[in-house]
Amino acid sequence: MLLLAGCAATAGPAPEPEGARLSPQARAYLSDALDLLQRDSLNTARVDWKDVRAKAFSHAGGARTPQDTYPAINGAVGALNDHHSRFYPPDQADRVGGDPEVVDSPTSRQLPGHIGYLALPGVNGSDRTYAEYVARGRAAVAGTDQAGACGWVVDLRGETGGGMWAPLAVAAPILGDGPLGGFVTADGRRAAWSIRGGVPYQDDTPQADADGVHPLAAASPPVAVLTGRGTASAGEAVAIAFIGRPATRSFGDRTYGVPTGNEPHRLSDGAVILLAGAAEADRTGRILEGPLVPDETIGSPTTKNADPTLETAVNWLVGQGPCKGY
């Protein structure tokens, strides 16, 4: 999930430990990586940077090349304790923003009682991948809506993370125009999420185009949001966007627990630090931490023949005004 560029500024980096026997190249590379973590990490105020830097240089030992410092950088990333940041060496960096061979697209169908169902899987890749995901998802939602939908189930149990804006662009007609939430950096700066004309925005910047936007026939329908242990990162951002929406209730299990925005930072040799740099807040401004707990926890597991979470959500929807009588 990409967020605004730049995060919290803190006091200047601690001096490097004396006597670290690194080559100038390795020293500069490790120092730059640590400076990045200290400057932009969401958890920077919770970290003992003097200790982290000392341990990193000690771990790097007699490093001669940037590659020799990778274990030290990985250890420093772990010390952030945000459970979301990752270090990727150059040969693994294509995992961040690389195009998948097959795009797992959103699916939509009509359930009994004229209830629309939308499943949003996670997606990660280039702008082309996101555009394909959005186009297919918008078409699927439009088809279900045109068949007649009095309310909607939005299933985020398979939304395991990646980019947040593509799934938000697909869900935008169901969410409706208005504020959704936002990012909050360590120093309190905020960047707002919203929907305008069926398009998601961060502050005043659109995060998708308007091609294929289909306003729902029934404005402001009731919505049941499904979450589970696999709902993570971008999936949690989408779940947050529904918090505080009128006629909305969530069902299922708690989410994975990383409702933070992260951004890739490419180092000089092509390695990437995917760094959690912002917390996420709902439309009221409340910052969410740890796993998100649904309004109604469903203890029974989903099996091949039964989906208690979906069944409970549908039972709630059929009791809501627009869906009564179907």
C-alpha atoms as a PDB file:
ATOM      1  CA  MET A   1       0.000   0.000   0.000  1.00  0.00           C
ATOM      2  CA  LEU A   2       1.577   3.271  -1.073  1.00  0.00           C
ATOM      3  CA  LEU A   3       1.187   6.408   0.973  1.00  0.00           C
ATOM      4  CA  LEU A   4       2.256  10.023   0.901  1.00  0.00           C
ATOM      5  CA  ALA A   5       5.933  10.652   0.319  1.00  0.00           C
ATOM      6  CA  GLY A   6       7.950  11.629   3.353  1.00  0.00           C
ATOM      7  CA  CYS A   7       7.186  10.988   6.989  1.00  0.00           C
ATOM      8  CA  ALA A   8       8.123  12.097  10.458  1.00  0.00           C
ATOM      9  CA  ALA A   9      11.183  14.222  11.052  1.00  0.00           C
ATOM     10  CA  THR A  10      13.048  13.523  14.269  1.00  0.00           C
ATOM     11  CA  ALA A  11      16.196  14.675  15.948  1.00  0.00           C
ATOM     12  CA  GLY A  12      19.280  14.164  13.807  1.00  0.00           C
ATOM     13  CA  PRO A  13      20.803  10.702  13.433  1.00  0.00           C
ATOM     14  CA  ALA A  14      22.997   9.474  16.246  1.00  0.00           C
ATOM     15  CA  PRO A  15      26.722   9.482  15.504  1.00  0.00           C
ATOM     16  CA  GLU A  16      28.139   6.309  14.058  1.00  0.00           C
ATOM     17  CA  PRO A  17      29.999   4.092  16.516  1.00  0.00           C
ATOM     18  CA  GLU A  18      33.724   4.627  16.669  1.00  0.00           C
ATOM     19  CA  GLY A  19      35.993   1.930  15.364  1.00  0.00           C
ATOM     20  CA  ALA A  20      33.525   0.196  13.050  1.00  0.00           C
ATOM     21  CA  ARG A  21      35.830  -1.471  10.522  1.00  0.00           C
ATOM     22  CA  LEU A  22      33.672  -0.985   7.455  1.00  0.00           C
ATOM     23  CA  SER A  23      34.857   0.138   4.043  1.00  0.00           C
ATOM     24  CA  PRO A  24      33.805   3.704   3.154  1.00  0.00           C
ATOM     25  CA  GLN A  25      31.300   2.296   0.652  1.00  0.00           C
ATOM     26  CA  ALA A  26      29.715  -0.084   3.158  1.00  0.00           C
ATOM     27  CA  ARG A  27      29.715   2.545   5.894  1.00  0.00           C
ATOM     28  CA  ALA A  28      27.945   5.107   3.703  1.00  0.00           C
ATOM     29  CA  TYR A  29      25.371   2.565   2.503  1.00  0.00           C
ATOM     30  CA  LEU A  30      24.497   1.365   6.009  1.00  0.00           C
ATOM     31  CA  SER A  31      24.411   4.896   7.374  1.00  0.00           C
ATOM     32  CA  ASP A  32      22.031   6.037   4.630  1.00  0.00           C
ATOM     33  CA  ALA A  33      19.687   3.113   5.320  1.00  0.00           C
ATOM     34  CA  LEU A  34      19.648   3.818   9.051  1.00  0.00           C
ATOM     35  CA  ASP A  35      19.054   7.527   8.409  1.00  0.00           C
ATOM     36  CA  LEU A  36      16.040   6.609   6.291  1.00  0.00           C
ATOM     37  CA  LEU A  37      14.581   4.374   8.999  1.00  0.00           C
ATOM     38  CA  GLN A  38      15.120   6.957  11.722  1.00  0.00           C
ATOM     39  CA  ARG A  39      13.676   9.799   9.661  1.00  0.00           C
ATOM     40  CA  ASP A  40      10.609   8.137   8.126  1.00  0.00           C
ATOM     41  CA  SER A  41       9.517   5.266  10.385  1.00  0.00           C
ATOM     42  CA  LEU A  42       6.112   5.548  12.033  1.00  0.00           C
ATOM     43  CA  ASN A  43       7.661   4.104  15.197  1.00  0.00           C
ATOM     44  CA  THR A  44      10.735   6.318  15.233  1.00  0.00           C
ATOM     45  CA  ALA A  45       9.903   7.849  18.636  1.00  0.00           C
ATOM     46  CA  ARG A  46       9.660   4.377  20.190  1.00  0.00           C
ATOM     47  CA  VAL A  47      13.100   3.239  19.046  1.00  0.00           C
ATOM     48  CA  ASP A  48      16.400   3.646  20.905  1.00  0.00           C
ATOM     49  CA  TRP A  49      18.339   4.793  17.861  1.00  0.00           C
ATOM     50  CA  LYS A  50      21.699   4.995  19.606  1.00  0.00           C
ATOM     51  CA  ASP A  51      21.362   1.310  20.489  1.00  0.00           C
ATOM     52  CA  VAL A  52      19.978   0.279  17.065  1.00  0.00           C
ATOM     53  CA  ARG A  53      22.771   2.061  15.201  1.00  0.00           C
ATOM     54  CA  ALA A  54      25.451   0.640  17.462  1.00  0.00           C
ATOM     55  CA  LYS A  55      24.124  -2.877  16.987  1.00  0.00           C
ATOM     56  CA  ALA A  56      23.818  -2.413  13.228  1.00  0.00           C
ATOM     57  CA  PHE A  57      27.438  -1.302  12.816  1.00  0.00           C
ATOM     58  CA  SER A  58      28.603  -4.065  15.127  1.00  0.00           C
ATOM     59  CA  HIS A  59      26.588  -6.608  13.140  1.00  0.00           C
ATOM     60  CA  ALA A  60      28.043  -5.317   9.892  1.00  0.00           C
ATOM     61  CA  GLY A  61      31.524  -6.054  11.291  1.00  0.00           C
ATOM     62  CA  GLY A  62      34.132  -5.766   8.558  1.00  0.00           C
ATOM     63  CA  ALA A  63      31.653  -5.229   5.715  1.00  0.00           C
ATOM     64  CA  ARG A  64      33.333  -4.275   2.452  1.00  0.00           C
ATOM     65  CA  THR A  65      30.301  -3.971   0.154  1.00  0.00           C
ATOM     66  CA  PRO A  66      26.656  -2.876   0.496  1.00  0.00           C
ATOM     67  CA  GLN A  67      25.644  -6.539   0.256  1.00  0.00           C
ATOM     68  CA  ASP A  68      27.680  -7.293   3.373  1.00  0.00           C
ATOM     69  CA  THR A  69      25.464  -4.901   5.356  1.00  0.00           C
ATOM     70  CA  TYR A  70      22.131  -6.513   4.410  1.00  0.00           C
ATOM     71  CA  PRO A  71      21.820  -8.603   7.612  1.00  0.00           C
ATOM     72  CA  ALA A  72      22.479  -5.485   9.688  1.00  0.00           C
ATOM     73  CA  ILE A  73      19.832  -3.506   7.818  1.00  0.00           C
ATOM     74  CA  ASN A  74      17.358  -6.342   8.124  1.00  0.00           C
ATOM     75  CA  GLY A  75      17.961  -6.391  11.871  1.00  0.00           C
ATOM     76  CA  ALA A  76      17.402  -2.640  12.119  1.00  0.00           C
ATOM     77  CA  VAL A  77      14.132  -2.946  10.193  1.00  0.00           C
ATOM     78  CA  GLY A  78      13.020  -5.642  12.630  1.00  0.00           C
ATOM     79  CA  ALA A  79      13.868  -3.360  15.546  1.00  0.00           C
ATOM     80  CA  LEU A  80      11.161  -0.958  14.358  1.00  0.00           C
ATOM     81  CA  ASN A  81       8.669  -3.547  15.662  1.00  0.00           C
ATOM     82  CA  ASP A  82       5.883  -2.363  13.367  1.00  0.00           C
ATOM     83  CA  HIS A  83       5.285  -5.847  11.858  1.00  0.00           C
ATOM     84  CA  HIS A  84       4.839  -4.248   8.438  1.00  0.00           C
ATOM     85  CA  SER A  85       8.206  -2.951   7.219  1.00  0.00           C
ATOM     86  CA  ARG A  86      10.415  -5.250   5.134  1.00  0.00           C
ATOM     87  CA  PHE A  87      13.883  -5.228   3.568  1.00  0.00           C
ATOM     88  CA  TYR A  88      14.276  -6.714   0.075  1.00  0.00           C
ATOM     89  CA  PRO A  89      17.719  -7.323  -1.488  1.00  0.00           C
ATOM     90  CA  PRO A  90      17.973  -6.377  -5.184  1.00  0.00           C
ATOM     91  CA  ASP A  91      17.195  -9.915  -6.382  1.00  0.00           C
ATOM     92  CA  GLN A  92      13.913  -9.841  -4.432  1.00  0.00           C
ATOM     93  CA  ALA A  93      12.984  -6.198  -5.003  1.00  0.00           C
ATOM     94  CA  ASP A  94      10.712  -7.025  -7.929  1.00  0.00           C
ATOM     95  CA  ARG A  95       8.249  -8.365  -5.348  1.00  0.00           C
ATOM     96  CA  VAL A  96       7.480  -4.694  -4.668  1.00  0.00           C
ATOM     97  CA  GLY A  97       5.516  -3.303  -7.594  1.00  0.00           C
ATOM     98  CA  GLY A  98       6.277  -6.158  -9.988  1.00  0.00           C
ATOM     99  CA  ASP A  99       3.504  -7.342 -12.277  1.00  0.00           C
ATOM    100  CA  PRO A 100       1.949 -10.705 -11.397  1.00  0.00           C
ATOM    101  CA  GLU A 101       1.441 -13.198 -14.198  1.00  0.00           C
ATOM    102  CA  VAL A 102      -2.293 -13.313 -13.459  1.00  0.00           C
ATOM    103  CA  VAL A 103      -4.349 -10.534 -11.858  1.00  0.00           C
ATOM    104  CA  ASP A 104      -6.743 -11.900  -9.223  1.00  0.00           C
ATOM    105  CA  SER A 105      -9.743  -9.743 -10.103  1.00  0.00           C
ATOM    106  CA  PRO A 106     -12.705  -8.687  -7.960  1.00  0.00           C
ATOM    107  CA  THR A 107     -15.842 -10.761  -8.404  1.00  0.00           C
ATOM    108  CA  SER A 108     -19.455  -9.783  -7.932  1.00  0.00           C
ATOM    109  CA  ARG A 109     -22.771 -11.607  -8.070  1.00  0.00           C
ATOM    110  CA  GLN A 110     -26.306 -11.354  -6.818  1.00  0.00           C
ATOM    111  CA  LEU A 111     -27.313 -13.349  -3.734  1.00  0.00           C
ATOM    112  CA  PRO A 112     -30.901 -14.363  -2.938  1.00  0.00           C
ATOM    113  CA  GLY A 113     -33.013 -11.435  -1.781  1.00  0.00           C
ATOM    114  CA  HIS A 114     -31.519  -9.022  -4.337  1.00  0.00           C
ATOM    115  CA  ILE A 115     -28.365  -8.618  -2.277  1.00  0.00           C
ATOM    116  CA  GLY A 116     -25.209  -7.736  -4.150  1.00  0.00           C
ATOM    117  CA  TYR A 117     -21.966  -9.490  -3.251  1.00  0.00           C
ATOM    118  CA  LEU A 118     -18.484  -8.092  -3.966  1.00  0.00           C
ATOM    119  CA  ALA A 119     -15.274  -9.981  -3.128  1.00  0.00           C
ATOM    120  CA  LEU A 120     -12.112  -7.876  -3.182  1.00  0.00           C
ATOM    121  CA  PRO A 121      -8.833  -9.828  -3.339  1.00  0.00           C
ATOM    122  CA  GLY A 122      -5.488  -8.208  -2.671  1.00  0.00           C
ATOM    123  CA  VAL A 123      -3.579  -6.748  -5.622  1.00  0.00           C
ATOM    124  CA  ASN A 124      -0.008  -5.604  -6.092  1.00  0.00           C
ATOM    125  CA  GLY A 125       1.856  -4.557  -9.216  1.00  0.00           C
ATOM    126  CA  SER A 126       2.348  -1.729 -11.677  1.00  0.00           C
ATOM    127  CA  ASP A 127      -0.142   0.923 -12.751  1.00  0.00           C
ATOM    128  CA  ARG A 128      -1.181  -1.433 -15.550  1.00  0.00           C
ATOM    129  CA  THR A 129      -2.047  -4.161 -13.048  1.00  0.00           C
ATOM    130  CA  TYR A 130      -4.074  -1.780 -10.902  1.00  0.00           C
ATOM    131  CA  ALA A 131      -5.933  -0.403 -13.940  1.00  0.00           C
ATOM    132  CA  GLU A 132      -6.856  -3.919 -15.037  1.00  0.00           C
ATOM    133  CA  TYR A 133      -8.085  -4.785 -11.531  1.00  0.00           C
ATOM    134  CA  VAL A 134     -10.193  -1.608 -11.361  1.00  0.00           C
ATOM    135  CA  ALA A 135     -11.700  -2.047 -14.831  1.00  0.00           C
ATOM    136  CA  ARG A 136     -12.752  -5.627 -14.144  1.00  0.00           C
ATOM    137  CA  GLY A 137     -14.032  -4.795 -10.665  1.00  0.00           C
ATOM    138  CA  ARG A 138     -16.088  -1.794 -11.778  1.00  0.00           C
ATOM    139  CA  ALA A 139     -17.654  -3.846 -14.566  1.00  0.00           C
ATOM    140  CA  ALA A 140     -18.526  -6.629 -12.117  1.00  0.00           C
ATOM    141  CA  VAL A 141     -20.158  -4.205  -9.656  1.00  0.00           C
ATOM    142  CA  ALA A 142     -22.095  -2.497 -12.454  1.00  0.00           C
ATOM    143  CA  GLY A 143     -23.432  -5.833 -13.701  1.00  0.00           C
ATOM    144  CA  THR A 144     -24.677  -6.851 -10.265  1.00  0.00           C
ATOM    145  CA  ASP A 145     -26.200  -3.437  -9.624  1.00  0.00           C
ATOM    146  CA  GLN A 146     -28.033  -3.423 -12.949  1.00  0.00           C
ATOM    147  CA  ALA A 147     -29.567  -6.784 -12.041  1.00  0.00           C
ATOM    148  CA  GLY A 148     -31.047  -5.073  -8.977  1.00  0.00           C
ATOM    149  CA  ALA A 149     -29.271  -4.835  -5.597  1.00  0.00           C
ATOM    150  CA  CYS A 150     -31.011  -3.552  -2.480  1.00  0.00           C
ATOM    151  CA  GLY A 151     -27.871  -3.901  -0.311  1.00  0.00           C
ATOM    152  CA  TRP A 152     -24.307  -5.198  -0.515  1.00  0.00           C
ATOM    153  CA  VAL A 153     -21.901  -7.637   1.068  1.00  0.00           C
ATOM    154  CA  VAL A 154     -18.281  -6.480   0.688  1.00  0.00           C
ATOM    155  CA  ASP A 155     -16.029  -9.455   1.389  1.00  0.00           C
ATOM    156  CA  LEU A 156     -12.513  -8.474   2.486  1.00  0.00           C
ATOM    157  CA  ARG A 157     -11.500 -11.859   3.874  1.00  0.00           C
ATOM    158  CA  GLY A 158      -9.259 -12.428   0.849  1.00  0.00           C
ATOM    159  CA  GLU A 159      -7.864  -8.893   0.793  1.00  0.00           C
ATOM    160  CA  THR A 160      -4.385  -9.790   2.018  1.00  0.00           C
ATOM    161  CA  GLY A 161      -2.680  -6.531   1.055  1.00  0.00           C
ATOM    162  CA  GLY A 162      -0.883  -4.732  -1.735  1.00  0.00           C
ATOM    163  CA  GLY A 163      -2.243  -1.498  -3.170  1.00  0.00           C
ATOM    164  CA  MET A 164      -5.201   0.078  -1.390  1.00  0.00           C
ATOM    165  CA  TRP A 165      -6.417   2.477  -4.079  1.00  0.00           C
ATOM    166  CA  ALA A 166      -7.493  -0.116  -6.649  1.00  0.00           C
ATOM    167  CA  PRO A 167      -9.888  -1.939  -4.285  1.00  0.00           C
ATOM    168  CA  LEU A 168     -11.163   1.408  -3.029  1.00  0.00           C
ATOM    169  CA  ALA A 169     -11.841   2.460  -6.629  1.00  0.00           C
ATOM    170  CA  VAL A 170     -13.915  -0.700  -7.142  1.00  0.00           C
ATOM    171  CA  ALA A 171     -15.823  -0.262  -3.861  1.00  0.00           C
ATOM    172  CA  ALA A 172     -16.273   3.501  -4.339  1.00  0.00           C
ATOM    173  CA  PRO A 173     -19.885   3.404  -5.626  1.00  0.00           C
ATOM    174  CA  ILE A 174     -20.859   1.290  -2.607  1.00  0.00           C
ATOM    175  CA  LEU A 175     -18.990   3.509  -0.167  1.00  0.00           C
ATOM    176  CA  GLY A 176     -20.481   6.669  -1.682  1.00  0.00           C
ATOM    177  CA  ASP A 177     -18.887  10.082  -2.068  1.00  0.00           C
ATOM    178  CA  GLY A 178     -17.402  11.754   1.004  1.00  0.00           C
ATOM    179  CA  PRO A 179     -14.550  11.377   3.514  1.00  0.00           C
ATOM    180  CA  LEU A 180     -13.223   7.883   4.305  1.00  0.00           C
ATOM    181  CA  GLY A 181     -10.240   8.306   6.633  1.00  0.00           C
ATOM    182  CA  GLY A 182      -6.580   9.057   6.182  1.00  0.00           C
ATOM    183  CA  PHE A 183      -2.905   8.613   6.943  1.00  0.00           C
ATOM    184  CA  VAL A 184      -1.297  10.137  10.044  1.00  0.00           C
ATOM    185  CA  THR A 185       2.491  10.398  10.295  1.00  0.00           C
ATOM    186  CA  ALA A 186       4.518  10.218  13.489  1.00  0.00           C
ATOM    187  CA  ASP A 187       4.640  13.999  13.729  1.00  0.00           C
ATOM    188  CA  GLY A 188       0.856  14.318  13.288  1.00  0.00           C
ATOM    189  CA  ARG A 189       0.629  15.323   9.633  1.00  0.00           C
ATOM    190  CA  ARG A 190      -2.496  14.005   7.951  1.00  0.00           C
ATOM    191  CA  ALA A 191      -3.410  13.062   4.378  1.00  0.00           C
ATOM    192  CA  ALA A 192      -7.126  12.555   3.821  1.00  0.00           C
ATOM    193  CA  TRP A 193      -8.836   9.764   1.879  1.00  0.00           C
ATOM    194  CA  SER A 194     -12.125  10.495   0.163  1.00  0.00           C
ATOM    195  CA  ILE A 195     -14.389   9.509  -2.714  1.00  0.00           C
ATOM    196  CA  ARG A 196     -15.397  12.127  -5.280  1.00  0.00           C
ATOM    197  CA  GLY A 197     -17.560  11.185  -8.220  1.00  0.00           C
ATOM    198  CA  GLY A 198     -16.793   7.509  -7.641  1.00  0.00           C
ATOM    199  CA  VAL A 199     -13.020   8.101  -7.673  1.00  0.00           C
ATOM    200  CA  PRO A 200     -10.748   7.699  -4.597  1.00  0.00           C
ATOM    201  CA  TYR A 201      -8.586  10.686  -3.648  1.00  0.00           C
ATOM    202  CA  GLN A 202      -5.663  11.313  -1.312  1.00  0.00           C
ATOM    203  CA  ASP A 203      -6.063  14.962  -0.369  1.00  0.00           C
ATOM    204  CA  ASP A 204      -6.723  16.578  -3.769  1.00  0.00           C
ATOM    205  CA  THR A 205      -4.965  13.951  -5.898  1.00  0.00           C
ATOM    206  CA  PRO A 206      -7.060  11.277  -7.655  1.00  0.00           C
ATOM    207  CA  GLN A 207      -5.723   7.744  -7.139  1.00  0.00           C
ATOM    208  CA  ALA A 208      -7.591   6.177 -10.091  1.00  0.00           C
ATOM    209  CA  ASP A 209      -9.210   7.438 -13.265  1.00  0.00           C
ATOM    210  CA  ALA A 210     -12.942   7.776 -13.801  1.00  0.00           C
ATOM    211  CA  ASP A 211     -13.249   5.279 -16.672  1.00  0.00           C
ATOM    212  CA  GLY A 212     -16.058   2.818 -16.046  1.00  0.00           C
ATOM    213  CA  VAL A 213     -17.431   4.533 -12.920  1.00  0.00           C
ATOM    214  CA  HIS A 214     -21.022   3.335 -12.457  1.00  0.00           C
ATOM    215  CA  PRO A 215     -23.181   5.114  -9.838  1.00  0.00           C
ATOM    216  CA  LEU A 216     -25.454   2.675  -8.040  1.00  0.00           C
ATOM    217  CA  ALA A 217     -29.145   2.697  -8.888  1.00  0.00           C
ATOM    218  CA  ALA A 218     -29.980   2.782  -5.162  1.00  0.00           C
ATOM    219  CA  ALA A 219     -28.024   5.468  -3.322  1.00  0.00           C
ATOM    220  CA  SER A 220     -26.616   4.720   0.153  1.00  0.00           C
ATOM    221  CA  PRO A 221     -27.563   1.017   0.347  1.00  0.00           C
ATOM    222  CA  PRO A 222     -27.002  -0.987   3.546  1.00  0.00           C
ATOM    223  CA  VAL A 223     -23.608  -2.725   3.527  1.00  0.00           C
ATOM    224  CA  ALA A 224     -22.240  -5.739   5.403  1.00  0.00           C
ATOM    225  CA  VAL A 225     -18.429  -5.868   5.495  1.00  0.00           C
ATOM    226  CA  LEU A 226     -16.754  -9.252   6.024  1.00  0.00           C
ATOM    227  CA  THR A 227     -13.281  -9.458   7.601  1.00  0.00           C
ATOM    228  CA  GLY A 228     -10.997 -12.238   8.783  1.00  0.00           C
ATOM    229  CA  ARG A 229      -7.491 -13.078   9.949  1.00  0.00           C
ATOM    230  CA  GLY A 230      -6.280 -12.758   6.342  1.00  0.00           C
ATOM    231  CA  THR A 231      -7.567  -9.198   5.950  1.00  0.00           C
ATOM    232  CA  ALA A 232      -4.304  -7.273   6.095  1.00  0.00           C
ATOM    233  CA  SER A 233      -2.623  -3.992   5.203  1.00  0.00           C
ATOM    234  CA  ALA A 234      -4.542  -2.614   2.201  1.00  0.00           C
ATOM    235  CA  GLY A 235      -7.456  -4.856   3.179  1.00  0.00           C
ATOM    236  CA  GLU A 236      -7.503  -3.188   6.574  1.00  0.00           C
ATOM    237  CA  ALA A 237      -7.430   0.246   4.922  1.00  0.00           C
ATOM    238  CA  VAL A 238     -10.549  -0.662   2.922  1.00  0.00           C
ATOM    239  CA  ALA A 239     -12.219  -1.955   6.097  1.00  0.00           C
ATOM    240  CA  ILE A 240     -11.363   1.330   7.826  1.00  0.00           C
ATOM    241  CA  ALA A 241     -12.951   3.256   4.952  1.00  0.00           C
ATOM    242  CA  PHE A 242     -16.296   1.622   5.811  1.00  0.00           C
ATOM    243  CA  ILE A 243     -16.078   2.451   9.547  1.00  0.00           C
ATOM    244  CA  GLY A 244     -18.596   5.184  10.348  1.00  0.00           C
ATOM    245  CA  ARG A 245     -20.517   4.787   7.084  1.00  0.00           C
ATOM    246  CA  PRO A 246     -24.280   4.865   7.766  1.00  0.00           C
ATOM    247  CA  ALA A 247     -26.224   1.582   7.462  1.00  0.00           C
ATOM    248  CA  THR A 248     -23.018  -0.452   7.660  1.00  0.00           C
ATOM    249  CA  ARG A 249     -22.065  -3.362   9.906  1.00  0.00           C
ATOM    250  CA  SER A 250     -19.009  -5.637   9.922  1.00  0.00           C
ATOM    251  CA  PHE A 251     -18.968  -9.391  10.503  1.00  0.00           C
ATOM    252  CA  GLY A 252     -16.400 -12.159  10.831  1.00  0.00           C
ATOM    253  CA  ASP A 253     -13.089 -12.279  12.672  1.00  0.00           C
ATOM    254  CA  ARG A 254     -10.447  -9.756  13.669  1.00  0.00           C
ATOM    255  CA  THR A 255      -8.023  -8.658  10.976  1.00  0.00           C
ATOM    256  CA  TYR A 256      -4.312  -9.418  10.697  1.00  0.00           C
ATOM    257  CA  GLY A 257      -3.316  -6.254  12.554  1.00  0.00           C
ATOM    258  CA  VAL A 258      -1.175  -3.954  10.378  1.00  0.00           C
ATOM    259  CA  PRO A 259      -3.405  -0.923   9.682  1.00  0.00           C
ATOM    260  CA  THR A 260      -0.454   1.219   8.618  1.00  0.00           C
ATOM    261  CA  GLY A 261       0.619   2.778   5.349  1.00  0.00           C
ATOM    262  CA  ASN A 262       3.947   1.755   3.889  1.00  0.00           C
ATOM    263  CA  GLU A 263       6.030   3.029   0.997  1.00  0.00           C
ATOM    264  CA  PRO A 264       8.939   1.498  -0.930  1.00  0.00           C
ATOM    265  CA  HIS A 265      12.310   3.258  -0.667  1.00  0.00           C
ATOM    266  CA  ARG A 266      14.914   2.100  -3.199  1.00  0.00           C
ATOM    267  CA  LEU A 267      18.524   2.094  -2.026  1.00  0.00           C
ATOM    268  CA  SER A 268      21.506   2.894  -4.233  1.00  0.00           C
ATOM    269  CA  ASP A 269      22.120  -0.714  -5.334  1.00  0.00           C
ATOM    270  CA  GLY A 270      18.465  -1.537  -6.075  1.00  0.00           C
ATOM    271  CA  ALA A 271      17.535  -3.015  -2.705  1.00  0.00           C
ATOM    272  CA  VAL A 272      14.209  -1.818  -1.320  1.00  0.00           C
ATOM    273  CA  ILE A 273      13.014  -0.960   2.166  1.00  0.00           C
ATOM    274  CA  LEU A 274       9.232  -1.145   2.349  1.00  0.00           C
ATOM    275  CA  LEU A 275       8.736   1.151   5.310  1.00  0.00           C
ATOM    276  CA  ALA A 276       5.644   1.718   7.450  1.00  0.00           C
ATOM    277  CA  GLY A 277       5.529   5.493   7.692  1.00  0.00           C
ATOM    278  CA  ALA A 278       1.969   6.332   8.726  1.00  0.00           C
ATOM    279  CA  ALA A 279      -0.867   5.145  10.903  1.00  0.00           C
ATOM    280  CA  GLU A 280      -4.402   4.979   9.513  1.00  0.00           C
ATOM    281  CA  ALA A 281      -7.458   6.797  10.836  1.00  0.00           C
ATOM    282  CA  ASP A 282     -11.167   6.419  10.161  1.00  0.00           C
ATOM    283  CA  ARG A 283     -13.449   9.179   8.870  1.00  0.00           C
ATOM    284  CA  THR A 284     -13.880  10.575  12.412  1.00  0.00           C
ATOM    285  CA  GLY A 285     -10.117  11.026  12.775  1.00  0.00           C
ATOM    286  CA  ARG A 286      -9.700   8.124  15.200  1.00  0.00           C
ATOM    287  CA  ILE A 287      -6.379   6.307  14.698  1.00  0.00           C
ATOM    288  CA  LEU A 288      -6.696   2.524  14.485  1.00  0.00           C
ATOM    289  CA  GLU A 289      -4.015   0.265  15.961  1.00  0.00           C
ATOM    290  CA  GLY A 290      -3.595  -3.500  15.901  1.00  0.00           C
ATOM    291  CA  PRO A 291      -6.240  -5.896  14.599  1.00  0.00           C
ATOM    292  CA  LEU A 292      -9.609  -4.421  13.655  1.00  0.00           C
ATOM    293  CA  VAL A 293     -12.450  -6.148  15.487  1.00  0.00           C
ATOM    294  CA  PRO A 294     -15.748  -6.518  13.576  1.00  0.00           C
ATOM    295  CA  ASP A 295     -19.059  -5.354  14.995  1.00  0.00           C
ATOM    296  CA  GLU A 296     -20.169  -8.972  15.173  1.00  0.00           C
ATOM    297  CA  THR A 297     -17.594 -11.722  15.689  1.00  0.00           C
ATOM    298  CA  ILE A 298     -18.520 -15.060  14.124  1.00  0.00           C
ATOM    299  CA  GLY A 299     -16.849 -17.954  15.891  1.00  0.00           C
ATOM    300  CA  SER A 300     -17.904 -20.709  13.512  1.00  0.00           C
ATOM    301  CA  PRO A 301     -15.387 -21.458  10.741  1.00  0.00           C
ATOM    302  CA  THR A 302     -16.170 -21.395   7.039  1.00  0.00           C
ATOM    303  CA  THR A 303     -16.326 -24.853   5.482  1.00  0.00           C
ATOM    304  CA  LYS A 304     -16.909 -26.244   2.008  1.00  0.00           C
ATOM    305  CA  ASN A 305     -20.632 -26.441   2.710  1.00  0.00           C
ATOM    306  CA  ALA A 306     -21.237 -23.504   5.052  1.00  0.00           C
ATOM    307  CA  ASP A 307     -20.184 -19.881   5.446  1.00  0.00           C
ATOM    308  CA  PRO A 308     -21.607 -18.703   8.794  1.00  0.00           C
ATOM    309  CA  THR A 309     -20.113 -15.216   8.413  1.00  0.00           C
ATOM    310  CA  LEU A 310     -21.796 -14.636   5.065  1.00  0.00           C
ATOM    311  CA  GLU A 311     -25.048 -16.173   6.281  1.00  0.00           C
ATOM    312  CA  THR A 312     -25.130 -13.889   9.330  1.00  0.00           C
ATOM    313  CA  ALA A 313     -24.363 -10.839   7.207  1.00  0.00           C
ATOM    314  CA  VAL A 314     -27.145 -11.676   4.745  1.00  0.00           C
ATOM    315  CA  ASN A 315     -29.631 -12.215   7.588  1.00  0.00           C
ATOM    316  CA  TRP A 316     -28.804  -8.730   8.851  1.00  0.00           C
ATOM    317  CA  LEU A 317     -29.130  -7.180   5.395  1.00  0.00           C
ATOM    318  CA  VAL A 318     -32.579  -8.673   4.696  1.00  0.00           C
ATOM    319  CA  GLY A 319     -33.821  -6.888   7.806  1.00  0.00           C
ATOM    320  CA  GLN A 320     -32.667  -3.492   6.567  1.00  0.00           C
ATOM    321  CA  GLY A 321     -35.189  -1.101   5.011  1.00  0.00           C
ATOM    322  CA  PRO A 322     -34.351  -1.322   1.289  1.00  0.00           C
ATOM    323  CA  CYS A 323     -34.088  -5.132   1.420  1.00  0.00           C
ATOM    324  CA  LYS A 324     -37.261  -5.856   3.385  1.00  0.00           C
ATOM    325  CA  GLY A 325     -39.920  -7.637   1.376  1.00  0.00           C
ATOM    326  CA  TYR A 326     -37.648  -9.347  -1.147  1.00  0.00           C
END
